[in-house]
Full PDB file with SEQRES, HELIX, SHEET, SSBOND, CRYST1, ORIGX, SCALE, CONECT and MASTER records, all heavy atoms in Angstrom:
SEQRES   1 A   30  GLU GLY GLY ARG ARG TRP ARG ALA HIS SER ALA SER GLY          
SEQRES   2 A   30  PHE LEU ASP SER VAL ARG GLN ARG HIS LEU ASN ALA ALA          
SEQRES   3 A   30  HIS ALA ARG ALA                                              
HELIX    1 AA1 ALA A   11  ARG A   29  1                                  19    
CRYST1    1.000    1.000    1.000  90.00  90.00  90.00 P 1           1          
ORIGX1      1.000000  0.000000  0.000000        0.00000                         
ORIGX2      0.000000  1.000000  0.000000        0.00000                         
ORIGX3      0.000000  0.000000  1.000000        0.00000                         
SCALE1      1.000000  0.000000  0.000000        0.00000                         
SCALE2      0.000000  1.000000  0.000000        0.00000                         
SCALE3      0.000000  0.000000  1.000000        0.00000                         
ATOM      1  N   GLU A   1      19.656  17.287   4.364  1.00  0.00           N  
ATOM      2  CA  GLU A   1      20.343  16.974   5.620  1.00  0.00           C  
ATOM      3  C   GLU A   1      20.899  15.552   5.636  1.00  0.00           C  
ATOM      4  O   GLU A   1      21.491  15.115   6.617  1.00  0.00           O  
ATOM      5  CB  GLU A   1      19.400  17.157   6.810  1.00  0.00           C  
ATOM      6  CG  GLU A   1      18.993  18.601   7.082  1.00  0.00           C  
ATOM      7  CD  GLU A   1      17.903  19.064   6.142  1.00  0.00           C  
ATOM      8  OE1 GLU A   1      17.291  18.187   5.486  1.00  0.00           O  
ATOM      9  OE2 GLU A   1      17.669  20.284   6.048  1.00  0.00           O  
ATOM     10  N   GLY A   2      20.696  14.796   4.574  1.00  0.00           N  
ATOM     11  CA  GLY A   2      21.219  13.439   4.509  1.00  0.00           C  
ATOM     12  C   GLY A   2      20.232  12.373   4.925  1.00  0.00           C  
ATOM     13  O   GLY A   2      20.531  11.193   4.821  1.00  0.00           O  
ATOM     14  N   GLY A   3      19.074  12.737   5.414  1.00  0.00           N  
ATOM     15  CA  GLY A   3      18.077  11.749   5.796  1.00  0.00           C  
ATOM     16  C   GLY A   3      17.064  11.527   4.679  1.00  0.00           C  
ATOM     17  O   GLY A   3      17.352  11.751   3.498  1.00  0.00           O  
ATOM     18  N   ARG A   4      15.866  11.079   5.074  1.00  0.00           N  
ATOM     19  CA  ARG A   4      14.810  10.856   4.090  1.00  0.00           C  
ATOM     20  C   ARG A   4      13.588  11.660   4.491  1.00  0.00           C  
ATOM     21  O   ARG A   4      13.235  11.755   5.668  1.00  0.00           O  
ATOM     22  CB  ARG A   4      14.441   9.363   3.989  1.00  0.00           C  
ATOM     23  CG  ARG A   4      15.501   8.553   3.279  1.00  0.00           C  
ATOM     24  CD  ARG A   4      15.102   7.082   3.174  1.00  0.00           C  
ATOM     25  NE  ARG A   4      13.994   6.856   2.255  1.00  0.00           N  
ATOM     26  CZ  ARG A   4      14.122   6.832   0.922  1.00  0.00           C  
ATOM     27  NH1 ARG A   4      15.298   7.072   0.364  1.00  0.00           N  
ATOM     28  NH2 ARG A   4      13.081   6.580   0.164  1.00  0.00           N  
ATOM     29  N   ARG A   5      12.955  12.233   3.504  1.00  0.00           N  
ATOM     30  CA  ARG A   5      11.728  12.979   3.724  1.00  0.00           C  
ATOM     31  C   ARG A   5      10.595  12.211   3.049  1.00  0.00           C  
ATOM     32  O   ARG A   5      10.722  11.764   1.913  1.00  0.00           O  
ATOM     33  CB  ARG A   5      11.864  14.388   3.120  1.00  0.00           C  
ATOM     34  CG  ARG A   5      10.621  15.244   3.278  1.00  0.00           C  
ATOM     35  CD  ARG A   5      10.852  16.607   2.668  1.00  0.00           C  
ATOM     36  NE  ARG A   5      11.997  17.256   3.317  1.00  0.00           N  
ATOM     37  CZ  ARG A   5      12.705  18.208   2.753  1.00  0.00           C  
ATOM     38  NH1 ARG A   5      12.445  18.610   1.511  1.00  0.00           N  
ATOM     39  NH2 ARG A   5      13.712  18.772   3.410  1.00  0.00           N  
ATOM     40  N   TRP A   6       9.500  12.046   3.782  1.00  0.00           N  
ATOM     41  CA  TRP A   6       8.373  11.245   3.273  1.00  0.00           C  
ATOM     42  C   TRP A   6       7.251  12.167   2.799  1.00  0.00           C  
ATOM     43  O   TRP A   6       6.845  13.085   3.499  1.00  0.00           O  
ATOM     44  CB  TRP A   6       7.857  10.298   4.359  1.00  0.00           C  
ATOM     45  CG  TRP A   6       8.896   9.321   4.804  1.00  0.00           C  
ATOM     46  CD1 TRP A   6       9.736   9.420   5.864  1.00  0.00           C  
ATOM     47  CD2 TRP A   6       9.233   8.113   4.148  1.00  0.00           C  
ATOM     48  NE1 TRP A   6      10.570   8.346   5.945  1.00  0.00           N  
ATOM     49  CE2 TRP A   6      10.281   7.505   4.891  1.00  0.00           C  
ATOM     50  CE3 TRP A   6       8.760   7.451   3.012  1.00  0.00           C  
ATOM     51  CZ2 TRP A   6      10.859   6.304   4.540  1.00  0.00           C  
ATOM     52  CZ3 TRP A   6       9.322   6.235   2.651  1.00  0.00           C  
ATOM     53  CH2 TRP A   6      10.363   5.677   3.405  1.00  0.00           C  
ATOM     54  N   ARG A   7       6.747  11.877   1.601  1.00  0.00           N  
ATOM     55  CA  ARG A   7       5.682  12.661   1.003  1.00  0.00           C  
ATOM     56  C   ARG A   7       4.469  11.772   0.765  1.00  0.00           C  
ATOM     57  O   ARG A   7       4.580  10.687   0.181  1.00  0.00           O  
ATOM     58  CB  ARG A   7       6.161  13.253  -0.327  1.00  0.00           C  
ATOM     59  CG  ARG A   7       5.113  14.033  -1.102  1.00  0.00           C  
ATOM     60  CD  ARG A   7       5.758  14.732  -2.298  1.00  0.00           C  
ATOM     61  NE  ARG A   7       6.541  13.800  -3.098  1.00  0.00           N  
ATOM     62  CZ  ARG A   7       6.010  13.009  -4.049  1.00  0.00           C  
ATOM     63  NH1 ARG A   7       4.694  13.008  -4.258  1.00  0.00           N  
ATOM     64  NH2 ARG A   7       6.772  12.205  -4.745  1.00  0.00           N  
ATOM     65  N   ALA A   8       3.308  12.216   1.235  1.00  0.00           N  
ATOM     66  CA  ALA A   8       2.091  11.408   1.116  1.00  0.00           C  
ATOM     67  C   ALA A   8       1.533  11.463  -0.302  1.00  0.00           C  
ATOM     68  O   ALA A   8       1.576  12.506  -0.959  1.00  0.00           O  
ATOM     69  CB  ALA A   8       1.033  11.902   2.106  1.00  0.00           C  
ATOM     70  N   HIS A   9       1.008  10.318  -0.760  1.00  0.00           N  
ATOM     71  CA  HIS A   9       0.291  10.247  -2.026  1.00  0.00           C  
ATOM     72  C   HIS A   9      -1.199  10.416  -1.768  1.00  0.00           C  
ATOM     73  O   HIS A   9      -1.675  10.310  -0.638  1.00  0.00           O  
ATOM     74  CB  HIS A   9       0.543   8.906  -2.715  1.00  0.00           C  
ATOM     75  CG  HIS A   9       1.906   8.807  -3.313  1.00  0.00           C  
ATOM     76  ND1 HIS A   9       2.467   7.608  -3.687  1.00  0.00           N  
ATOM     77  CD2 HIS A   9       2.841   9.752  -3.598  1.00  0.00           C  
ATOM     78  CE1 HIS A   9       3.664   7.818  -4.183  1.00  0.00           C  
ATOM     79  NE2 HIS A   9       3.921   9.110  -4.133  1.00  0.00           N  
ATOM     80  N   SER A  10      -1.976  10.585  -2.821  1.00  0.00           N  
ATOM     81  CA  SER A  10      -3.428  10.686  -2.672  1.00  0.00           C  
ATOM     82  C   SER A  10      -3.994   9.349  -2.227  1.00  0.00           C  
ATOM     83  O   SER A  10      -3.481   8.286  -2.593  1.00  0.00           O  
ATOM     84  CB  SER A  10      -4.077  11.109  -3.989  1.00  0.00           C  
ATOM     85  OG  SER A  10      -3.901  10.103  -4.969  1.00  0.00           O  
ATOM     86  N   ALA A  11      -5.071   9.398  -1.457  1.00  0.00           N  
ATOM     87  CA  ALA A  11      -5.664   8.176  -0.902  1.00  0.00           C  
ATOM     88  C   ALA A  11      -6.192   7.256  -1.982  1.00  0.00           C  
ATOM     89  O   ALA A  11      -6.114   6.028  -1.869  1.00  0.00           O  
ATOM     90  CB  ALA A  11      -6.785   8.542   0.066  1.00  0.00           C  
ATOM     91  N   SER A  12      -6.752   7.813  -3.067  1.00  0.00           N  
ATOM     92  CA  SER A  12      -7.387   6.970  -4.090  1.00  0.00           C  
ATOM     93  C   SER A  12      -6.411   5.999  -4.713  1.00  0.00           C  
ATOM     94  O   SER A  12      -6.776   4.883  -5.084  1.00  0.00           O  
ATOM     95  CB  SER A  12      -8.002   7.854  -5.178  1.00  0.00           C  
ATOM     96  OG  SER A  12      -7.001   8.656  -5.784  1.00  0.00           O  
ATOM     97  N   GLY A  13      -5.144   6.398  -4.830  1.00  0.00           N  
ATOM     98  CA  GLY A  13      -4.175   5.522  -5.456  1.00  0.00           C  
ATOM     99  C   GLY A  13      -3.770   4.358  -4.587  1.00  0.00           C  
ATOM    100  O   GLY A  13      -3.750   3.212  -5.031  1.00  0.00           O  
ATOM    101  N   PHE A  14      -3.451   4.646  -3.321  1.00  0.00           N  
ATOM    102  CA  PHE A  14      -2.902   3.568  -2.503  1.00  0.00           C  
ATOM    103  C   PHE A  14      -3.970   2.657  -1.902  1.00  0.00           C  
ATOM    104  O   PHE A  14      -3.681   1.520  -1.538  1.00  0.00           O  
ATOM    105  CB  PHE A  14      -1.983   4.107  -1.401  1.00  0.00           C  
ATOM    106  CG  PHE A  14      -2.665   4.655  -0.188  1.00  0.00           C  
ATOM    107  CD1 PHE A  14      -3.086   3.811   0.824  1.00  0.00           C  
ATOM    108  CD2 PHE A  14      -2.860   6.022  -0.038  1.00  0.00           C  
ATOM    109  CE1 PHE A  14      -3.685   4.317   1.959  1.00  0.00           C  
ATOM    110  CE2 PHE A  14      -3.468   6.524   1.092  1.00  0.00           C  
ATOM    111  CZ  PHE A  14      -3.888   5.683   2.092  1.00  0.00           C  
ATOM    112  N   LEU A  15      -5.229   3.100  -1.811  1.00  0.00           N  
ATOM    113  CA  LEU A  15      -6.263   2.227  -1.258  1.00  0.00           C  
ATOM    114  C   LEU A  15      -6.461   0.991  -2.125  1.00  0.00           C  
ATOM    115  O   LEU A  15      -6.670  -0.107  -1.618  1.00  0.00           O  
ATOM    116  CB  LEU A  15      -7.584   2.992  -1.101  1.00  0.00           C  
ATOM    117  CG  LEU A  15      -7.661   3.934   0.099  1.00  0.00           C  
ATOM    118  CD1 LEU A  15      -8.990   4.670   0.117  1.00  0.00           C  
ATOM    119  CD2 LEU A  15      -7.452   3.172   1.401  1.00  0.00           C  
ATOM    120  N   ASP A  16      -6.404   1.163  -3.457  1.00  0.00           N  
ATOM    121  CA  ASP A  16      -6.512   0.000  -4.340  1.00  0.00           C  
ATOM    122  C   ASP A  16      -5.381  -0.987  -4.077  1.00  0.00           C  
ATOM    123  O   ASP A  16      -5.575  -2.204  -4.098  1.00  0.00           O  
ATOM    124  CB  ASP A  16      -6.473   0.437  -5.806  1.00  0.00           C  
ATOM    125  CG  ASP A  16      -7.755   1.114  -6.236  1.00  0.00           C  
ATOM    126  OD1 ASP A  16      -8.779   0.926  -5.546  1.00  0.00           O  
ATOM    127  OD2 ASP A  16      -7.743   1.830  -7.256  1.00  0.00           O  
ATOM    128  N   SER A  17      -4.177  -0.448  -3.819  1.00  0.00           N  
ATOM    129  CA  SER A  17      -3.033  -1.309  -3.532  1.00  0.00           C  
ATOM    130  C   SER A  17      -3.237  -2.063  -2.225  1.00  0.00           C  
ATOM    131  O   SER A  17      -2.944  -3.261  -2.123  1.00  0.00           O  
ATOM    132  CB  SER A  17      -1.761  -0.477  -3.460  1.00  0.00           C  
ATOM    133  OG  SER A  17      -0.658  -1.274  -3.078  1.00  0.00           O  
ATOM    134  N   VAL A  18      -3.763  -1.368  -1.199  1.00  0.00           N  
ATOM    135  CA  VAL A  18      -4.021  -2.022   0.092  1.00  0.00           C  
ATOM    136  C   VAL A  18      -5.050  -3.133  -0.065  1.00  0.00           C  
ATOM    137  O   VAL A  18      -4.895  -4.245   0.465  1.00  0.00           O  
ATOM    138  CB  VAL A  18      -4.496  -0.987   1.124  1.00  0.00           C  
ATOM    139  CG1 VAL A  18      -4.960  -1.670   2.408  1.00  0.00           C  
ATOM    140  CG2 VAL A  18      -3.376  -0.006   1.432  1.00  0.00           C  
ATOM    141  N   ARG A  19      -6.123  -2.832  -0.792  1.00  0.00           N  
ATOM    142  CA  ARG A  19      -7.168  -3.846  -1.002  1.00  0.00           C  
ATOM    143  C   ARG A  19      -6.629  -5.065  -1.742  1.00  0.00           C  
ATOM    144  O   ARG A  19      -6.919  -6.205  -1.400  1.00  0.00           O  
ATOM    145  CB  ARG A  19      -8.326  -3.232  -1.799  1.00  0.00           C  
ATOM    146  CG  ARG A  19      -9.117  -2.203  -1.018  1.00  0.00           C  
ATOM    147  CD  ARG A  19     -10.029  -1.413  -1.934  1.00  0.00           C  
ATOM    148  NE  ARG A  19     -10.662  -0.300  -1.234  1.00  0.00           N  
ATOM    149  CZ  ARG A  19     -11.099   0.801  -1.830  1.00  0.00           C  
ATOM    150  NH1 ARG A  19     -10.974   0.937  -3.144  1.00  0.00           N  
ATOM    151  NH2 ARG A  19     -11.673   1.756  -1.126  1.00  0.00           N  
ATOM    152  N   GLN A  20      -5.786  -4.819  -2.769  1.00  0.00           N  
ATOM    153  CA  GLN A  20      -5.237  -5.930  -3.528  1.00  0.00           C  
ATOM    154  C   GLN A  20      -4.311  -6.777  -2.675  1.00  0.00           C  
ATOM    155  O   GLN A  20      -4.306  -8.014  -2.778  1.00  0.00           O  
ATOM    156  CB  GLN A  20      -4.489  -5.410  -4.756  1.00  0.00           C  
ATOM    157  CG  GLN A  20      -4.090  -6.511  -5.743  1.00  0.00           C  
ATOM    158  CD  GLN A  20      -5.294  -7.293  -6.224  1.00  0.00           C  
ATOM    159  OE1 GLN A  20      -6.285  -6.722  -6.668  1.00  0.00           O  
ATOM    160  NE2 GLN A  20      -5.228  -8.615  -6.129  1.00  0.00           N  
ATOM    161  N   ARG A  21      -3.520  -6.127  -1.817  1.00  0.00           N  
ATOM    162  CA  ARG A  21      -2.647  -6.887  -0.916  1.00  0.00           C  
ATOM    163  C   ARG A  21      -3.453  -7.749   0.029  1.00  0.00           C  
ATOM    164  O   ARG A  21      -3.093  -8.891   0.324  1.00  0.00           O  
ATOM    165  CB  ARG A  21      -1.746  -5.930  -0.121  1.00  0.00           C  
ATOM    166  CG  ARG A  21      -0.651  -5.289  -0.948  1.00  0.00           C  
ATOM    167  CD  ARG A  21       0.264  -4.413  -0.116  1.00  0.00           C  
ATOM    168  NE  ARG A  21       0.963  -5.170   0.913  1.00  0.00           N  
ATOM    169  CZ  ARG A  21       1.914  -4.674   1.666  1.00  0.00           C  
ATOM    170  NH1 ARG A  21       2.302  -3.423   1.508  1.00  0.00           N  
ATOM    171  NH2 ARG A  21       2.496  -5.403   2.593  1.00  0.00           N  
ATOM    172  N   HIS A  22      -4.591  -7.220   0.487  1.00  0.00           N  
ATOM    173  CA  HIS A  22      -5.463  -7.987   1.371  1.00  0.00           C  
ATOM    174  C   HIS A  22      -6.009  -9.213   0.638  1.00  0.00           C  
ATOM    175  O   HIS A  22      -6.012 -10.328   1.177  1.00  0.00           O  
ATOM    176  CB  HIS A  22      -6.606  -7.096   1.856  1.00  0.00           C  
ATOM    177  CG  HIS A  22      -7.645  -7.829   2.655  1.00  0.00           C  
ATOM    178  ND1 HIS A  22      -7.438  -8.226   3.953  1.00  0.00           N  
ATOM    179  CD2 HIS A  22      -8.892  -8.261   2.318  1.00  0.00           C  
ATOM    180  CE1 HIS A  22      -8.512  -8.863   4.401  1.00  0.00           C  
ATOM    181  NE2 HIS A  22      -9.401  -8.898   3.422  1.00  0.00           N  
ATOM    182  N   LEU A  23      -6.474  -9.016  -0.602  1.00  0.00           N  
ATOM    183  CA  LEU A  23      -7.006 -10.138  -1.378  1.00  0.00           C  
ATOM    184  C   LEU A  23      -5.919 -11.165  -1.669  1.00  0.00           C  
ATOM    185  O   LEU A  23      -6.157 -12.372  -1.579  1.00  0.00           O  
ATOM    186  CB  LEU A  23      -7.611  -9.626  -2.684  1.00  0.00           C  
ATOM    187  CG  LEU A  23      -8.904  -8.826  -2.575  1.00  0.00           C  
ATOM    188  CD1 LEU A  23      -9.310  -8.288  -3.932  1.00  0.00           C  
ATOM    189  CD2 LEU A  23     -10.019  -9.688  -1.990  1.00  0.00           C  
ATOM    190  N   ASN A  24      -4.720 -10.697  -2.005  1.00  0.00           N  
ATOM    191  CA  ASN A  24      -3.624 -11.616  -2.282  1.00  0.00           C  
ATOM    192  C   ASN A  24      -3.278 -12.445  -1.053  1.00  0.00           C  
ATOM    193  O   ASN A  24      -3.001 -13.650  -1.155  1.00  0.00           O  
ATOM    194  CB  ASN A  24      -2.392 -10.845  -2.754  1.00  0.00           C  
ATOM    195  CG  ASN A  24      -2.567 -10.255  -4.136  1.00  0.00           C  
ATOM    196  OD1 ASN A  24      -3.471 -10.646  -4.871  1.00  0.00           O  
ATOM    197  ND2 ASN A  24      -1.719  -9.302  -4.497  1.00  0.00           N  
ATOM    198  N   ALA A  25      -3.273 -11.800   0.117  1.00  0.00           N  
ATOM    199  CA  ALA A  25      -2.951 -12.518   1.351  1.00  0.00           C  
ATOM    200  C   ALA A  25      -4.028 -13.556   1.659  1.00  0.00           C  
ATOM    201  O   ALA A  25      -3.717 -14.690   2.068  1.00  0.00           O  
ATOM    202  CB  ALA A  25      -2.825 -11.534   2.512  1.00  0.00           C  
ATOM    203  N   ALA A  26      -5.300 -13.195   1.465  1.00  0.00           N  
ATOM    204  CA  ALA A  26      -6.391 -14.142   1.721  1.00  0.00           C  
ATOM    205  C   ALA A  26      -6.301 -15.324   0.767  1.00  0.00           C  
ATOM    206  O   ALA A  26      -6.497 -16.478   1.160  1.00  0.00           O  
ATOM    207  CB  ALA A  26      -7.745 -13.439   1.574  1.00  0.00           C  
ATOM    208  N   HIS A  27      -5.988 -15.039  -0.504  1.00  0.00           N  
ATOM    209  CA  HIS A  27      -5.861 -16.126  -1.472  1.00  0.00           C  
ATOM    210  C   HIS A  27      -4.682 -17.027  -1.122  1.00  0.00           C  
ATOM    211  O   HIS A  27      -4.773 -18.257  -1.220  1.00  0.00           O  
ATOM    212  CB  HIS A  27      -5.685 -15.548  -2.872  1.00  0.00           C  
ATOM    213  CG  HIS A  27      -5.582 -16.591  -3.939  1.00  0.00           C  
ATOM    214  ND1 HIS A  27      -4.414 -16.894  -4.585  1.00  0.00           N  
ATOM    215  CD2 HIS A  27      -6.519 -17.432  -4.450  1.00  0.00           C  
ATOM    216  CE1 HIS A  27      -4.620 -17.862  -5.443  1.00  0.00           C  
ATOM    217  NE2 HIS A  27      -5.890 -18.199  -5.389  1.00  0.00           N  
ATOM    218  N   ALA A  28      -3.574 -16.431  -0.692  1.00  0.00           N  
ATOM    219  CA  ALA A  28      -2.399 -17.230  -0.315  1.00  0.00           C  
ATOM    220  C   ALA A  28      -2.730 -18.154   0.851  1.00  0.00           C  
ATOM    221  O   ALA A  28      -2.290 -19.308   0.885  1.00  0.00           O  
ATOM    222  CB  ALA A  28      -1.236 -16.309   0.041  1.00  0.00           C  
ATOM    223  N   ARG A  29      -3.516 -17.652   1.821  1.00  0.00           N  
ATOM    224  CA  ARG A  29      -3.906 -18.503   2.953  1.00  0.00           C  
ATOM    225  C   ARG A  29      -4.775 -19.663   2.482  1.00  0.00           C  
ATOM    226  O   ARG A  29      -4.624 -20.797   2.951  1.00  0.00           O  
ATOM    227  CB  ARG A  29      -4.640 -17.672   4.011  1.00  0.00           C  
ATOM    228  CG  ARG A  29      -3.741 -16.719   4.780  1.00  0.00           C  
ATOM    229  CD  ARG A  29      -4.452 -16.155   6.010  1.00  0.00           C  
ATOM    230  NE  ARG A  29      -5.609 -15.348   5.668  1.00  0.00           N  
ATOM    231  CZ  ARG A  29      -5.562 -14.042   5.417  1.00  0.00           C  
ATOM    232  NH1 ARG A  29      -4.399 -13.405   5.463  1.00  0.00           N  
ATOM    233  NH2 ARG A  29      -6.665 -13.367   5.135  1.00  0.00           N  
ATOM    234  N   ALA A  30      -5.709 -19.391   1.564  1.00  0.00           N  
ATOM    235  CA  ALA A  30      -6.577 -20.454   1.051  1.00  0.00           C  
ATOM    236  C   ALA A  30      -5.769 -21.507   0.298  1.00  0.00           C  
ATOM    237  O   ALA A  30      -6.006 -22.714   0.437  1.00  0.00           O  
ATOM    238  CB  ALA A  30      -7.658 -19.862   0.144  1.00  0.00           C  
TER     239      ALA A  30                                                      
MASTER        0    0    0    1    0    0    0    6  238    1    0    3          
END                                                                             
């Protein structure tokens, strides 16, 4: 239809990414 369709990934993959982003942000603040 010309738009975008979003497909979910498994939780195990993206949770590591979320945790790493959190650690990176905390380190950047320090």
